[in-house]
Protein backbone atom coordinates (compact mmCIF):
# COMPACT_ATOMS: atom_id res chain seq x y z
CA MET A 1 -6.97 22.67 48.58
CA LEU A 2 -6.77 22.46 44.39
CA ALA A 3 -7.10 18.47 45.04
CA ALA A 4 -10.37 19.29 46.32
CA LEU A 5 -10.80 21.44 43.73
CA ILE A 6 -9.39 20.24 40.47
CA PRO A 7 -7.89 15.87 40.00
CA VAL A 8 -4.53 15.48 38.00
CA LEU A 9 -5.17 15.75 34.47
CA GLY A 10 -2.65 15.24 31.21
CA LEU A 11 -0.50 17.89 30.55
CA LEU A 12 -1.15 19.84 27.36
CA ALA A 13 1.97 21.27 25.70
CA VAL A 14 -0.08 24.41 24.24
CA VAL A 15 -3.26 26.20 25.13
CA ARG A 16 -6.30 25.85 23.13
CA SER A 17 -8.42 28.17 20.80
CA GLN A 18 -11.18 25.72 20.37
CA GLU A 19 -11.74 22.17 21.38
CA SER A 20 -14.63 19.78 21.22
CA SER A 21 -14.83 19.59 25.26
CA TYR A 22 -16.63 22.38 27.10
CA ALA A 23 -13.89 20.42 29.70
CA PRO A 24 -11.12 22.46 31.23
CA THR A 25 -7.82 20.71 31.03
CA LEU A 26 -4.58 21.35 32.92
CA VAL A 27 -1.00 23.06 31.55
CA THR A 28 2.13 24.11 32.61
CA CYS A 29 2.30 27.45 34.39
CA PRO A 30 4.07 30.09 34.08
CA SER A 31 7.13 31.43 35.55
CA THR A 32 4.77 34.40 36.86
CA LEU A 33 0.69 33.98 36.48
CA ILE A 34 0.20 37.08 37.96
CA SER A 35 0.93 40.83 36.98
CA ARG A 36 0.01 43.80 38.75
CA THR A 37 -1.45 46.68 36.92
CA GLY A 38 -0.09 49.16 39.00
CA SER A 39 -1.69 52.65 40.12
CA PRO A 40 -2.24 56.00 38.41
CA LEU A 41 -1.37 57.52 41.67
CA GLU A 42 1.64 56.34 41.95
CA GLY A 43 2.48 56.79 37.73
CA ASN A 44 2.76 53.27 37.09
CA GLN A 45 -0.37 52.13 35.77
CA THR A 46 -0.01 50.03 32.68
CA LEU A 47 -1.77 48.18 30.08
CA ASP A 48 -1.37 44.63 28.82
CA ALA A 49 1.21 44.42 26.67
CA SER A 50 -0.51 42.83 23.78
CA GLU A 51 -3.46 45.05 24.49
CA ALA A 52 -1.52 47.85 24.16
CA THR A 53 0.63 47.02 21.07
CA TYR A 54 -2.93 46.25 19.72
CA LEU A 55 -4.35 49.77 20.59
CA SER A 56 -1.15 51.67 19.15
CA SER A 57 -1.50 49.43 15.67
CA ARG A 58 -4.72 49.83 15.24
CA ARG A 59 -4.61 53.39 15.70
CA SER A 60 -1.50 53.91 13.65
CA ASN A 61 -2.51 51.60 10.89
CA VAL A 62 -6.55 51.95 10.57
CA VAL A 63 -7.92 54.25 12.81
CA SER A 64 -5.61 57.49 12.10
CA SER A 65 -6.98 57.35 8.09
CA LEU A 66 -10.21 57.05 9.35
CA TRP A 67 -10.23 60.06 11.36
CA SER A 68 -9.08 61.95 8.51
CA SER A 69 -11.75 60.94 6.28
CA TYR A 70 -14.21 61.12 8.81
CA ILE A 71 -13.24 65.09 9.77
CA SER A 72 -13.55 66.01 6.07
CA ASN A 73 -16.47 64.22 4.80
CA THR A 74 -18.42 67.55 4.92
CA SER A 75 -21.86 65.00 4.64
CA TYR A 76 -21.89 64.85 8.85
CA GLY A 77 -21.70 68.69 8.80
CA ASP A 78 -18.95 70.76 8.78
CA THR A 79 -17.21 71.89 12.17
CA GLY A 80 -15.39 75.18 10.93
CA TYR A 81 -11.82 73.62 11.99
CA ASN A 82 -8.74 73.99 10.25
CA PHE A 83 -7.69 70.11 10.22
CA SER A 84 -3.68 70.68 10.48
CA GLN A 85 -4.36 72.78 13.31
CA LEU A 86 -6.72 70.54 15.37
CA PHE A 87 -4.51 67.51 14.74
CA PRO A 88 -1.36 68.78 14.33
CA ASN A 89 0.20 65.46 14.42
CA SER A 90 -1.08 61.72 13.96
CA THR A 91 -1.04 60.69 17.80
CA SER A 92 -3.58 63.80 18.63
CA TYR A 93 -6.68 62.28 16.99
CA PRO A 94 -9.48 61.92 19.92
CA ARG A 95 -9.98 58.25 21.24
CA VAL A 96 -13.38 57.41 21.52
CA SER A 97 -14.99 53.88 22.83
CA THR A 98 -18.54 52.25 22.92
CA ALA A 99 -20.11 50.91 25.86
CA ILE A 100 -23.24 48.51 25.58
CA SER A 101 -25.72 48.08 28.39
CA GLY A 102 -27.68 44.92 30.25
CA GLY A 103 -30.89 44.02 29.96
CA GLY A 104 -31.14 40.46 28.25
CA TYR A 105 -32.86 40.26 24.64
CA ARG A 106 -33.59 43.69 25.05
CA ALA A 107 -30.14 44.90 25.56
CA SER A 108 -28.89 42.98 22.59
CA LEU A 109 -31.24 44.11 20.00
CA TYR A 110 -31.07 47.81 20.87
CA GLY A 111 -27.00 47.59 21.29
CA ALA A 112 -27.06 46.22 18.06
CA GLY A 113 -29.71 48.34 16.45
CA THR A 114 -27.51 51.50 17.56
CA LEU A 115 -24.40 50.62 16.50
CA SER A 116 -25.97 50.05 12.68
CA ALA A 117 -27.02 53.80 13.46
CA LEU A 118 -22.68 54.48 14.60
CA ASP A 119 -21.89 52.11 11.06
CA SER A 120 -19.86 53.87 8.46
CA ARG A 121 -20.91 50.35 6.29
CA ASN A 122 -24.72 52.02 6.65
CA ALA A 123 -25.95 54.42 4.19
CA THR A 124 -28.01 56.10 6.85
CA ASN A 125 -25.47 56.93 10.11
CA ALA A 126 -24.88 59.41 12.35
CA ALA A 127 -21.11 59.10 12.56
CA PRO A 128 -18.41 56.18 11.83
CA ILE A 129 -18.10 55.27 16.09
CA LEU A 130 -17.80 51.97 15.75
CA GLN A 131 -15.07 52.11 12.92
CA LEU A 132 -13.43 54.77 15.13
CA SER A 133 -13.56 53.31 18.67
CA ASP A 134 -10.79 51.91 20.38
CA TYR A 135 -12.74 49.57 22.68
CA LEU A 136 -16.30 47.94 22.80
CA SER A 137 -17.44 47.29 26.21
CA GLY A 138 -20.60 45.09 26.71
CA LEU A 139 -22.33 43.54 30.26
CA SER A 140 -25.13 40.91 30.47
CA GLY A 141 -27.14 41.41 27.10
CA GLY A 142 -24.72 44.00 25.95
CA SER A 143 -21.71 41.92 26.61
CA TRP A 144 -23.97 39.13 23.97
CA ALA A 145 -23.94 41.26 21.73
CA VAL A 146 -20.17 42.76 21.56
CA SER A 147 -18.65 39.15 21.56
CA SER A 148 -21.03 37.82 19.29
CA LEU A 149 -19.87 40.69 16.50
CA ALA A 150 -16.13 40.18 17.48
CA MET A 151 -16.85 36.62 17.16
CA ASN A 152 -18.14 36.74 13.86
CA ASP A 153 -15.47 38.99 12.82
CA LEU A 154 -17.43 41.95 12.62
CA PRO A 155 -20.39 41.75 10.17
CA ASP A 156 -22.86 44.17 9.62
CA LEU A 157 -25.47 44.10 12.66
CA PHE A 158 -28.68 43.73 10.76
CA SER A 159 -27.04 40.22 9.43
CA LEU A 160 -25.45 39.48 12.40
CA VAL A 161 -29.02 39.55 14.46
CA LEU A 162 -30.91 37.77 11.47
CA GLY A 163 -28.80 35.15 9.73
CA GLU A 164 -28.28 37.42 6.52
CA ASN A 165 -25.46 37.18 3.90
CA GLY A 166 -23.69 33.87 5.15
CA GLN A 167 -24.41 34.77 8.71
CA THR A 168 -26.63 32.12 11.09
CA GLY A 169 -28.50 34.63 13.02
CA TRP A 170 -29.31 35.15 16.52
CA MET A 171 -32.23 32.81 16.15
CA LEU A 172 -34.27 34.49 19.18
CA ASP A 173 -37.38 32.98 17.97
CA LEU A 174 -36.31 29.90 19.26
CA ALA A 175 -36.18 30.79 23.46
CA LEU A 176 -33.70 30.79 25.71
CA LEU A 177 -35.33 27.68 28.17
CA ASP A 178 -38.00 26.02 25.75
CA PRO A 179 -36.86 26.66 21.95
CA ASP A 180 -39.60 23.88 20.49
CA GLY A 181 -42.26 25.51 22.73
CA LEU A 182 -44.30 24.46 25.69
CA THR A 183 -45.15 21.56 24.01
CA GLY A 184 -42.20 20.90 22.19
CA LEU A 185 -40.90 18.31 24.57
CA ILE A 186 -38.84 15.71 22.72
CA LYS A 187 -36.74 18.33 20.84
CA ASP A 188 -36.21 20.38 24.10
CA GLN A 189 -35.38 17.21 25.67
CA GLU A 190 -32.88 16.37 23.17
CA TYR A 191 -31.43 20.48 23.20
CA TYR A 192 -31.02 20.22 27.56
CA SER A 193 -29.45 16.62 26.61
CA THR A 194 -26.67 18.35 24.91
CA ILE A 195 -26.35 20.95 27.19
CA LEU A 196 -25.65 19.17 30.22
CA ALA A 197 -23.49 16.77 28.37
CA ASP A 198 -21.45 19.38 28.01
CA VAL A 199 -21.55 20.85 31.36
CA ARG A 200 -21.29 17.13 32.66
CA ALA A 201 -17.68 16.94 31.21
CA LYS A 202 -16.45 19.92 33.10
CA ALA A 203 -18.07 18.82 36.44
CA ASP A 204 -16.52 14.99 35.41
CA VAL A 205 -12.75 16.65 36.19
CA GLY A 206 -13.79 18.09 38.87
CA PHE A 207 -14.06 21.82 38.62
CA PRO A 208 -17.51 23.30 40.45
CA VAL A 209 -20.61 23.91 37.80
CA SER A 210 -23.47 25.87 38.42
CA LEU A 211 -26.76 27.27 36.43
CA VAL A 212 -24.71 29.71 35.08
CA ASP A 213 -22.92 26.99 33.00
CA VAL A 214 -26.24 25.98 31.21
CA TRP A 215 -26.95 29.62 31.22
CA GLY A 216 -23.64 29.84 28.77
CA ARG A 217 -24.05 27.27 26.75
CA ALA A 218 -27.86 28.12 25.88
CA LEU A 219 -26.14 31.24 24.85
CA ALA A 220 -23.50 30.12 22.60
CA PHE A 221 -26.42 27.83 21.00
CA HIS A 222 -27.62 31.62 19.82
CA PHE A 223 -24.50 34.31 19.72
CA PHE A 224 -21.76 32.38 18.07
CA ASN A 225 -21.60 30.51 14.86
CA GLY A 226 -21.88 26.67 15.45
CA THR A 227 -25.36 26.58 15.62
CA ASP A 228 -27.84 26.92 13.12
CA ARG A 229 -31.74 26.03 12.28
CA THR A 230 -30.37 22.57 10.83
CA ASN A 231 -28.58 21.46 13.52
CA PHE A 232 -30.10 23.42 16.50
CA TYR A 233 -31.71 19.84 18.16
CA ASN A 234 -28.56 17.51 17.17
CA GLU A 235 -27.00 16.02 19.55
CA THR A 236 -23.97 15.05 18.19
CA ALA A 237 -23.62 18.60 16.25
CA PRO A 238 -20.50 20.83 17.30
CA HIS A 239 -22.43 23.33 19.22
CA ASP A 240 -19.70 25.57 20.08
CA GLN A 241 -19.09 24.02 23.58
CA GLY A 242 -15.28 24.28 23.01
CA LEU A 243 -15.17 27.43 22.04
CA LEU A 244 -13.15 30.15 23.73
CA TRP A 245 -13.37 33.54 24.27
CA SER A 246 -9.99 34.18 23.78
CA SER A 247 -9.92 33.13 20.11
CA ILE A 248 -11.49 36.56 18.77
CA LYS A 249 -7.76 37.05 18.87
CA TYR A 250 -7.61 34.71 15.43
CA THR A 251 -10.18 36.34 14.37
CA GLN A 252 -9.34 38.30 10.51
CA ASN A 253 -10.49 41.85 11.63
CA PHE A 254 -8.79 40.93 14.92
CA ASP A 255 -5.86 40.43 13.37
CA ASN A 256 -5.68 43.37 11.09
CA PHE A 257 -6.76 45.66 13.61
CA ALA A 258 -9.81 46.40 12.38
CA MET A 259 -12.12 45.61 15.30
CA PRO A 260 -12.37 48.04 18.01
CA PHE A 261 -10.88 46.08 21.48
CA PRO A 262 -14.06 44.31 23.09
CA ILE A 263 -14.35 43.81 26.87
CA VAL A 264 -16.68 41.93 28.51
CA VAL A 265 -17.44 43.04 32.68
CA SER A 266 -18.70 40.90 35.59
CA THR A 267 -18.84 42.12 39.04
CA SER A 268 -17.71 39.53 42.43
CA ARG A 269 -19.75 38.42 44.91
CA VAL A 270 -18.21 37.74 48.54
CA SER A 271 -21.45 35.82 49.58
CA GLU A 272 -24.78 35.52 49.23
CA GLN A 273 -24.95 37.16 53.32
CA MET A 274 -23.39 39.83 51.56
CA GLN A 275 -25.83 40.85 48.71
CA ASN A 276 -27.81 44.12 49.32
CA SER A 277 -31.49 44.12 49.22
CA SER A 278 -31.62 47.18 47.46
CA ASP A 279 -33.91 48.19 44.71
CA THR A 280 -31.23 48.91 42.06
CA THR A 281 -28.19 47.19 43.56
CA VAL A 282 -27.31 43.62 44.29
CA ILE A 283 -23.63 43.80 44.59
CA PRO A 284 -21.97 46.19 46.99
CA LEU A 285 -20.62 49.05 44.51
CA SER A 286 -17.03 49.02 46.70
CA ASN A 287 -16.68 45.75 45.26
CA THR A 288 -14.30 44.27 42.28
CA GLN A 289 -15.46 44.56 38.83
CA PHE A 290 -13.64 41.68 36.57
CA GLU A 291 -13.08 42.54 32.70
CA PHE A 292 -12.04 39.61 30.52
CA THR A 293 -10.27 41.07 26.88
CA PRO A 294 -8.95 38.85 24.39
CA TYR A 295 -5.53 38.17 26.38
CA THR A 296 -6.22 38.91 30.05
CA TRP A 297 -8.85 38.70 32.74
CA GLY A 298 -8.72 40.60 35.80
CA SER A 299 -9.04 44.00 37.24
CA PHE A 300 -7.59 47.67 37.37
CA ASP A 301 -9.71 48.15 40.68
CA PRO A 302 -7.63 49.69 43.27
CA THR A 303 -9.63 46.43 45.36
CA LEU A 304 -7.09 44.12 42.63
CA MET A 305 -4.74 45.96 40.30
CA ALA A 306 -4.10 42.36 38.83
CA ARG A 307 -4.88 40.42 35.71
CA ILE A 308 -3.51 36.87 34.68
CA PRO A 309 -3.37 35.75 30.65
CA LEU A 310 -7.30 34.87 30.11
CA GLU A 311 -6.45 31.17 28.79
CA LEU A 312 -5.11 30.48 32.24
CA ALA A 313 -9.05 31.68 33.93
CA GLY A 314 -10.28 29.08 36.41
CA THR A 315 -6.30 28.50 37.81
CA TYR A 316 -6.56 28.34 41.69
CA ALA A 317 -3.57 30.18 43.18
CA ASP A 318 -2.49 31.23 46.38
CA ASN A 319 -1.11 34.68 46.76
CA GLY A 320 -0.18 34.27 43.56
CA VAL A 321 1.32 31.17 43.50
CA PRO A 322 -0.60 28.22 41.84
CA THR A 323 -0.28 24.69 43.53
CA ASN A 324 2.36 23.08 41.52
CA SER A 325 3.96 23.77 38.00
CA THR A 326 1.35 22.07 36.00
CA SER A 327 -1.55 22.39 37.75
CA CYS A 328 -2.84 25.99 35.72
CA VAL A 329 -6.34 26.10 33.79
CA ASN A 330 -6.84 25.90 30.06
CA GLY A 331 -10.00 25.87 28.41
CA PHE A 332 -11.75 27.28 31.81
CA GLU A 333 -12.55 30.26 29.60
CA ASN A 334 -15.31 28.83 27.53
CA ALA A 335 -17.06 31.61 24.87
CA GLY A 336 -21.02 30.71 26.29
CA PHE A 337 -19.75 30.46 30.19
CA VAL A 338 -17.69 33.86 29.56
CA ILE A 339 -20.90 35.70 28.20
CA GLY A 340 -23.07 33.30 30.79
CA THR A 341 -20.69 35.05 33.86
CA SER A 342 -21.54 38.52 32.50
CA ALA A 343 -25.34 37.76 32.64
CA ALA A 344 -25.35 35.87 35.67
CA LEU A 345 -28.40 37.43 37.23
CA PHE A 346 -30.21 34.60 39.01
CA ASN A 347 -29.52 35.21 42.12
CA ALA A 348 -30.78 38.67 41.45
CA VAL A 349 -34.10 37.33 40.24
CA GLU A 350 -35.13 34.42 42.18
CA GLY A 351 -38.48 36.39 43.59
CA GLU A 352 -38.98 37.95 39.96
CA LEU A 353 -39.19 34.72 38.32
CA SER A 354 -42.40 33.36 36.85
CA ASP A 355 -43.70 30.22 37.64
CA SER A 356 -42.94 28.07 34.30
CA PHE A 357 -39.47 30.03 34.53
CA THR A 358 -38.87 29.04 38.04
CA SER A 359 -39.78 25.08 37.12
CA ALA A 360 -37.42 25.38 34.47
CA ILE A 361 -35.11 26.45 37.20
CA THR A 362 -35.39 24.00 39.38
CA THR A 363 -35.39 21.07 37.33
CA LEU A 364 -32.15 22.07 36.16
CA GLY A 365 -30.57 22.47 39.71
CA ASP A 366 -31.89 18.46 40.41
CA ASP A 367 -30.14 17.98 37.08
CA LEU A 368 -27.55 19.56 37.95
CA ALA A 369 -26.91 18.34 41.49
CA GLY A 370 -26.97 14.87 39.74
CA ILE A 371 -24.24 15.77 37.93
CA GLN A 372 -22.02 17.44 40.65
CA ASN A 373 -18.68 15.91 41.51
CA SER A 374 -17.29 19.09 43.51
CA ASN A 375 -18.52 20.06 47.08
CA LEU A 376 -17.40 23.61 46.60
CA SER A 377 -20.17 24.50 43.90
CA VAL A 378 -21.67 27.75 44.48
CA PRO A 379 -25.50 28.09 43.40
CA LEU A 380 -26.38 30.70 40.94
CA VAL A 381 -23.53 32.18 40.52
CA ALA A 382 -20.58 31.52 37.78
CA ASN A 383 -17.90 29.29 39.81
CA TYR A 384 -14.11 30.41 39.37
CA PRO A 385 -11.48 28.65 41.17
CA ASN A 386 -9.97 31.74 42.90
CA THR A 387 -6.76 32.94 41.19
CA PHE A 388 -6.17 35.91 43.42
CA HIS A 389 -7.20 33.54 46.96
CA ASN A 390 -5.18 35.33 49.70
CA PHE A 391 -4.16 38.41 46.95
CA VAL A 392 -3.13 41.17 48.29
CA PRO A 393 -3.67 44.23 46.07
CA SER A 394 -1.28 46.69 48.24
CA ALA A 395 -0.17 48.18 51.66
CA SER A 396 -3.70 49.88 51.51
CA ALA A 397 -6.33 47.98 50.24
CA THR A 398 -8.40 44.41 50.23
CA PHE A 399 -9.41 42.32 47.99
CA GLU A 400 -12.92 41.39 49.51
CA SER A 401 -12.93 37.93 47.84
CA ALA A 402 -9.48 36.92 48.66
CA GLY A 403 -10.84 34.57 51.69
CA ASN A 404 -13.08 32.22 49.05
CA THR A 405 -11.70 29.17 47.35
CA ILE A 406 -14.34 29.73 44.78
CA LEU A 407 -14.36 33.20 43.46
CA GLN A 408 -17.86 34.25 42.92
CA LEU A 409 -18.88 35.99 39.83
CA THR A 410 -22.44 37.88 39.04
CA ASP A 411 -24.25 39.72 36.26
CA GLY A 412 -22.00 42.81 35.52
CA GLY A 413 -24.77 45.37 36.24
CA GLU A 414 -25.70 43.51 39.52
CA ASN A 415 -24.05 47.08 41.29
CA GLY A 416 -26.23 49.39 39.71
CA GLU A 417 -23.41 49.80 36.53
CA ASN A 418 -25.30 48.61 34.06
CA VAL A 419 -23.21 50.53 31.60
CA PRO A 420 -20.06 49.26 31.17
CA LEU A 421 -17.91 52.61 31.45
CA SER A 422 -15.53 51.65 34.57
CA PRO A 423 -13.39 50.14 32.36
CA LEU A 424 -12.98 52.86 29.83
CA LEU A 425 -12.39 55.14 32.33
CA VAL A 426 -9.07 53.66 33.30
CA LYS A 427 -6.44 56.35 33.26
CA ALA A 428 -4.17 54.10 30.74
CA ARG A 429 -6.36 54.24 27.84
CA MET A 430 -6.19 57.19 28.12
CA GLN A 431 -9.87 57.84 26.60
CA ASP A 432 -11.15 61.20 25.33
CA ILE A 433 -14.79 60.29 24.45
CA LEU A 434 -17.45 57.19 25.82
CA ILE A 435 -20.28 56.37 23.56
CA ALA A 436 -23.13 54.99 26.54
CA VAL A 437 -25.44 53.41 25.03
CA ASP A 438 -28.38 52.52 27.58
CA GLY A 439 -31.21 49.88 26.94
CA SER A 440 -31.57 49.43 30.67
CA ALA A 441 -35.20 48.90 32.42
CA ASP A 442 -35.14 50.99 35.06
CA THR A 443 -38.25 52.66 35.34
CA ASP A 444 -41.51 50.79 35.67
CA PHE A 445 -42.20 50.76 32.04
CA ALA A 446 -38.67 49.22 31.35
CA TRP A 447 -37.06 52.62 29.94
CA PRO A 448 -33.41 53.81 31.14
CA ASN A 449 -33.66 57.17 33.48
CA GLY A 450 -30.24 57.64 33.99
CA THR A 451 -29.45 54.96 37.31
CA SER A 452 -26.49 53.44 35.58
CA LEU A 453 -24.48 56.53 35.14
CA ILE A 454 -25.20 58.02 38.58
CA ALA A 455 -24.22 54.54 40.04
CA THR A 456 -20.82 54.79 38.31
CA ALA A 457 -20.46 58.33 39.31
CA ASP A 458 -21.00 56.86 42.86
CA ARG A 459 -18.25 54.13 42.67
CA VAL A 460 -15.64 56.74 41.23
CA ALA A 461 -16.38 59.27 43.90
CA SER A 462 -16.68 57.08 46.56
CA TRP A 463 -14.91 53.37 45.96
CA GLY A 464 -12.48 54.66 43.20
CA GLY A 465 -9.57 55.44 44.95
CA ASN A 466 -9.16 58.60 42.70
CA PHE A 467 -7.84 55.82 40.20
CA SER A 468 -10.11 57.50 37.89
CA SER A 469 -12.74 60.62 37.16
CA PHE A 470 -16.18 61.04 35.67
CA PRO A 471 -18.02 64.07 34.72
CA PRO A 472 -20.81 66.27 36.28
CA ILE A 473 -24.41 64.24 35.73
CA PRO A 474 -27.48 64.46 37.58
CA THR A 475 -27.40 63.22 41.25
CA SER A 476 -31.00 61.36 40.88
CA ALA A 477 -32.77 59.86 38.52
CA ASP A 478 -35.76 61.97 38.64
CA ASP A 479 -33.68 65.01 37.55
CA PHE A 480 -32.71 62.91 34.21
CA VAL A 481 -36.35 62.36 34.00
CA ASN A 482 -37.15 66.27 34.59
CA GLU A 483 -34.42 67.26 32.38
CA GLY A 484 -35.90 64.73 29.71
CA LEU A 485 -31.92 63.65 29.21
CA ASN A 486 -33.97 60.19 29.12
CA VAL A 487 -35.27 60.49 26.05
CA ARG A 488 -32.80 62.30 23.98
CA PRO A 489 -28.95 62.39 23.81
CA THR A 490 -27.19 64.36 25.90
CA PHE A 491 -23.17 65.45 26.16
CA PHE A 492 -21.99 65.22 29.59
CA GLY A 493 -18.73 66.99 30.32
CA CYS A 494 -17.40 68.79 27.71
CA ASN A 495 -17.12 72.29 29.13
CA VAL A 496 -13.78 71.65 31.37
CA THR A 497 -11.03 73.77 32.39
CA GLY A 498 -7.96 71.34 32.34
CA ASN A 499 -5.61 70.17 29.27
CA GLY A 500 -8.16 67.73 27.95
CA VAL A 501 -5.48 65.25 28.15
CA ALA A 502 -7.45 61.73 29.70
CA SER A 503 -4.47 60.28 31.18
CA VAL A 504 -4.06 63.18 33.63
CA LEU A 505 -5.42 62.48 37.50
CA GLY A 506 -9.20 64.75 37.87
CA ASN A 507 -9.72 65.22 33.69
CA TYR A 508 -12.22 63.29 32.83
CA PRO A 509 -14.25 62.05 29.09
CA ILE A 510 -17.03 63.57 27.58
CA VAL A 511 -20.04 61.11 27.42
CA VAL A 512 -22.30 60.91 25.34
CA TYR A 513 -25.61 59.24 26.70
CA LEU A 514 -27.60 57.25 24.13
CA PRO A 515 -31.19 56.12 25.98
CA ASN A 516 -33.85 53.35 24.84
CA ALA A 517 -36.16 56.03 24.72
CA PRO A 518 -39.80 55.84 22.82
CA ASN A 519 -39.69 57.00 18.92
CA PRO A 520 -40.95 60.51 18.41
CA ASP A 521 -42.53 59.90 15.33
CA ALA A 522 -44.86 56.70 14.94
CA THR A 523 -45.27 56.91 11.37
CA SER A 524 -41.09 56.05 11.34
CA SER A 525 -41.19 52.94 13.54
CA SER A 526 -44.12 52.06 15.92
CA TYR A 527 -42.27 49.19 17.84
CA SER A 528 -42.11 49.85 21.77
CA THR A 529 -38.59 48.66 22.23
CA ASN A 530 -38.88 48.67 26.55
CA VAL A 531 -39.54 45.22 26.39
CA THR A 532 -38.90 43.48 29.71
CA THR A 533 -35.50 41.99 30.38
CA LEU A 534 -36.63 38.15 30.93
CA THR A 535 -38.40 38.13 27.46
CA LEU A 536 -36.37 35.22 26.24
CA ASP A 537 -37.72 35.05 22.97
CA TYR A 538 -38.51 37.33 19.96
CA SER A 539 -40.48 36.57 16.64
CA GLN A 540 -38.24 37.11 13.46
CA GLU A 541 -40.82 39.89 13.15
CA ASP A 542 -40.31 41.29 16.47
CA GLN A 543 -36.65 41.29 15.50
CA VAL A 544 -36.65 43.46 12.30
CA SER A 545 -38.79 45.92 13.74
CA PHE A 546 -36.91 46.36 17.02
CA LEU A 547 -33.41 46.86 15.81
CA ASP A 548 -35.25 49.43 12.63
CA ALA A 549 -37.00 51.37 16.14
CA ALA A 550 -33.19 51.35 17.72
CA HIS A 551 -31.71 51.97 14.55
CA LEU A 552 -33.88 55.05 14.11
CA ASN A 553 -33.01 56.04 17.91
CA GLY A 554 -29.65 56.29 17.15
CA LEU A 555 -30.31 59.03 14.48
CA LYS A 556 -32.34 60.79 15.70
CA GLY A 557 -31.04 63.08 17.55
CA PHE A 558 -32.74 66.56 19.66
CA GLN A 559 -35.67 66.36 17.75
CA THR A 560 -38.19 68.58 17.48
CA GLU A 561 -42.45 68.56 17.49
CA SER A 562 -43.01 65.21 15.39
CA ALA A 563 -39.89 64.86 13.70
CA SER A 564 -38.00 61.18 13.95
CA SER A 565 -34.44 62.34 13.53
CA ASP A 566 -32.65 65.75 13.54
CA PRO A 567 -30.47 67.01 10.64
CA ASP A 568 -27.76 68.03 12.75
CA TRP A 569 -27.28 65.16 14.59
CA PRO A 570 -24.04 64.02 12.55
CA LEU A 571 -22.61 67.48 12.98
CA ALA A 572 -23.71 67.69 16.50
CA LEU A 573 -21.70 64.35 17.60
CA LYS A 574 -19.07 65.22 15.12
CA CYS A 575 -17.93 68.70 17.51
CA ALA A 576 -17.99 66.30 20.82
CA LEU A 577 -16.07 63.41 18.78
CA VAL A 578 -12.95 66.41 18.77
CA ASP A 579 -13.73 68.17 21.44
CA ARG A 580 -10.49 66.99 23.88
CA ALA A 581 -8.63 67.48 21.07
CA ARG A 582 -9.73 71.29 20.41
CA THR A 583 -9.09 71.49 24.08
CA ARG A 584 -5.75 70.06 23.85
CA ALA A 585 -4.82 72.04 20.23
CA GLY A 586 -6.15 75.39 22.37
CA LEU A 587 -8.54 76.00 20.34
CA ALA A 588 -11.98 78.41 20.36
CA ARG A 589 -15.09 76.20 19.40
CA THR A 590 -15.98 77.32 16.21
CA ALA A 591 -19.37 78.88 16.19
CA ALA A 592 -20.52 75.51 14.84
CA CYS A 593 -19.61 73.77 17.22
CA ALA A 594 -20.51 75.89 20.12
CA THR A 595 -24.40 76.03 19.09
CA GLN A 596 -24.49 71.85 18.77
CA VAL A 597 -22.66 71.42 22.08
CA SER A 598 -24.61 73.78 23.73
CA ILE A 599 -27.99 72.20 22.56
CA PHE A 600 -26.39 68.49 23.91
CA THR A 601 -24.57 69.40 26.85
CA ARG A 602 -26.79 69.47 29.82
CA SER A 603 -27.51 73.29 30.88
CA ARG A 604 -27.21 72.23 34.64
CA PRO A 605 -23.41 71.73 36.68
């Protein structure tokens, strides 16, 4: 089978972090390719050793001192807790992580603006959550922001987006499909010529390619730093065609344990015939979610419970065994292809595209047909040679795509979970508080309405195999809207009767829900951030206005009347962030925190 998939290539001695070509190569296989993640039900679920070391080092060398300074800083409000009682030792600090939703450029900008409001480097911030977070997950448009932030070594968010202070910027005014405009045919041809040459290099060595390869290369022009305005149309300039997503681990801040551990999420599809036709989901909730980390690629889901080194993604194996000792693949996890995979939504939006979009997609499809050297390519989805072909996760579970030669991966939100919380619910990661940054377009007016959280709750309850738990939330989007939970921050899961230990089966984290919503005070920002997902360009002025509005949204709290912000919001956040530590310490809530938690916690079970 592999002979039809990949031709024999020259052997490399070591894996790569950056090469000049988009084409993967072959390397010597390790003695064991696939590692099992284990099961929390059997008490043997474990993190990858490198991830565990990173988190341990980050917490001991960086985060513990940040927590100490944050809790003692009364400019964020005084919780009233005795510091030594709340945190009797350095291991008792809370574990917080942040998830950025999908939703195209809208989600990227909303995520960036919200993170700026949670960044201690800004004079106006509600809490230093970016600095405190163990993990930062993203999918689709959220994966673009997360990957850009990590790959560019954690610059301030406004500089990252707008191209200030040495950053190249996202250049969102240059549209993804036609960066020089509908009349800029010559420059746009040069742009596509560069992209298609890269994709052809991958096809020429026998790998199946699809529209997602083109999509990922186009995204790389914007979200990584190899392309700027001076070389955007230069066909000979480097455009990060050899940049690997795993190279995040070589950035200075990652090397110093000074950034949250990034995770990008995608979903698996068995076939076009097994897609859903629901308004909210395309991929069944039962399908496996895949996660990309700087070290590994795989899933903790009970349907797989396995991972491989990320550098070897793209390796075909049968029941865990590669074709031969030199058939492992390196360089497949191109950074643009990874974020393109997480945003591979073409299978979901075929009937919703504009005429110009459809025309461009058709033309690109014809171009791809001309360079495709594999008869195994599956259109409209990301094509991965199936490392988990015929893999058996356990005696009681099966992997739905085990029979596929090509593993089909799609947009991470196509199962309805548009906020990537599932990786953060993994028991081995022991998270206390999850910050859910929701820039989804659930309603007809492109605002979120809690649909993503409901999907996560449904997946945990119906398909999670008791591997994780999720706090009680409204059971319908109507309830979210009727209770006003779609226009303000809400805490879910604060009131628990357990011991507050996240790794214990049945215990769940607090979820702090931060939905994209209209600003209540038009004098602060009149810009409306409910832009459609398929808007593929923003003027520089619109980017600034969007970031400003999202930043203000992150600061507003439970505002009243025409006020643009709640002065007690920083204290409320602080109370939520330490609440699981309070439970573990056996302390009652202070009067200050009891008041704030009651304001932001949903009143009905």
